[in-house]
Protein backbone atom coordinates (compact mmCIF):
# COMPACT_ATOMS: atom_id res chain seq x y z
CA MET A 1 28.85 -45.49 58.61
CA VAL A 2 27.74 -44.28 62.01
CA PRO A 3 24.25 -44.02 63.52
CA THR A 4 22.11 -41.15 62.24
CA ASN A 5 22.03 -39.56 65.70
CA THR A 6 25.84 -39.23 65.89
CA THR A 7 26.70 -35.69 66.97
CA ASP A 8 29.12 -33.36 65.22
CA GLU A 9 31.39 -33.58 68.26
CA GLU A 10 31.42 -37.39 68.02
CA LEU A 11 32.30 -37.15 64.32
CA LYS A 12 35.13 -34.77 65.17
CA ASN A 13 36.47 -37.19 67.77
CA LEU A 14 36.29 -40.04 65.26
CA LEU A 15 38.30 -38.03 62.74
CA TRP A 16 40.98 -37.35 65.36
CA PHE A 17 41.01 -41.07 66.17
CA PHE A 18 41.54 -41.91 62.48
CA ARG A 19 44.33 -39.35 62.22
CA GLY A 20 46.00 -40.86 65.28
CA LYS A 21 46.02 -44.28 63.59
CA VAL A 22 46.91 -43.19 60.05
CA ARG A 23 49.91 -41.03 60.97
CA PRO A 24 51.91 -43.90 62.58
CA GLY A 25 50.67 -46.39 59.96
CA GLN A 26 48.38 -48.37 62.25
CA PHE A 27 45.88 -49.13 59.47
CA ARG A 28 44.89 -52.57 60.80
CA ASP A 29 43.56 -50.87 63.96
CA ILE A 30 40.90 -49.15 61.83
CA GLY A 31 40.09 -52.16 59.66
CA ILE A 32 42.31 -51.47 56.67
CA THR A 33 44.22 -54.71 56.13
CA GLY A 34 45.86 -53.98 52.79
CA PRO A 35 46.43 -51.21 50.27
CA THR A 36 43.46 -50.69 47.98
CA SER A 37 45.12 -48.87 45.09
CA LYS A 38 48.40 -48.26 43.34
CA GLN A 39 49.91 -44.91 44.26
CA TRP A 40 52.97 -43.43 42.58
CA GLY A 41 53.77 -46.77 40.95
CA GLU A 42 53.40 -49.04 43.97
CA TYR A 43 50.79 -50.38 46.33
CA GLY A 44 50.89 -48.61 49.67
CA TYR A 45 49.27 -46.30 52.16
CA LYS A 46 50.79 -42.98 51.10
CA SER A 47 47.41 -41.38 50.48
CA GLY A 48 43.76 -42.06 51.05
CA MET A 49 40.43 -40.86 52.34
CA LEU A 50 38.03 -42.17 54.94
CA ALA A 51 34.47 -40.97 54.44
CA ILE A 52 31.92 -41.16 57.25
CA TYR A 53 28.17 -41.25 56.65
CA ARG A 54 25.37 -40.85 59.16
CA GLY A 55 23.06 -43.75 58.35
CA THR A 56 22.83 -45.93 55.27
CA ARG A 57 21.01 -43.72 52.78
CA CYS A 58 24.05 -42.45 50.83
CA ALA A 59 26.79 -44.65 52.33
CA GLY A 60 26.76 -47.09 49.42
CA GLU A 61 26.67 -44.58 46.59
CA GLU A 62 29.32 -44.78 43.93
CA TYR A 63 31.33 -41.93 42.43
CA VAL A 64 29.37 -40.06 39.75
CA SER A 65 31.62 -38.62 37.03
CA LEU A 66 31.05 -35.12 35.69
CA GLN A 67 30.18 -36.68 32.33
CA ALA A 68 27.49 -38.88 33.90
CA ALA A 69 26.11 -35.94 35.88
CA ALA A 70 25.93 -33.85 32.69
CA HIS A 71 23.64 -36.54 31.26
CA GLY A 72 21.38 -36.46 34.31
CA ASN A 73 22.78 -39.61 35.97
CA LEU A 74 23.18 -38.27 39.49
CA GLY A 75 23.11 -41.41 41.60
CA PRO A 76 20.71 -42.20 44.44
CA CYS A 77 21.52 -39.10 46.50
CA GLY A 78 21.93 -36.49 43.78
CA TYR A 79 24.99 -34.61 42.59
CA GLY A 80 27.94 -34.01 44.91
CA GLU A 81 29.48 -35.65 47.91
CA HIS A 82 27.16 -36.73 50.71
CA ASP A 83 29.48 -37.85 53.46
CA ASP A 84 29.06 -36.16 56.83
CA ALA A 85 32.78 -36.09 57.62
CA ASP A 86 36.01 -37.25 56.05
CA TYR A 87 39.70 -37.56 56.75
CA GLN A 88 42.21 -37.37 53.89
CA TRP A 89 45.96 -37.85 53.94
CA GLY A 90 48.72 -37.75 51.33
CA ILE A 91 47.60 -34.44 49.89
CA ASN A 92 49.96 -33.24 47.13
CA ALA A 93 51.85 -36.56 47.39
CA ASP A 94 52.94 -35.76 50.96
CA PRO A 95 51.87 -38.47 53.47
CA GLU A 96 52.17 -35.92 56.28
CA LYS A 97 49.77 -33.44 54.64
CA ASP A 98 46.19 -34.12 55.72
CA SER A 99 42.82 -32.52 56.25
């Protein structure tokens, strides 16, 4: 989460910072001290996503499944993703493929 007045340019710079730490595996530098899920049969850092929110309003929301949404359970911020920026790596099981 970042302050609500964070500019788009500042978000862009933060994403580049994250990319610069993820690519060489410097996860501790960005506060990730251990793998959080099993990927391809083992715990590791081969893929992941960092979502950035401006402010607290939607930062704590949980994933809403399509089934839950179909029943009108949309979560506190409504249907869809509400992050303001994100960085994802390990796309298509390739740790070098990111967005």
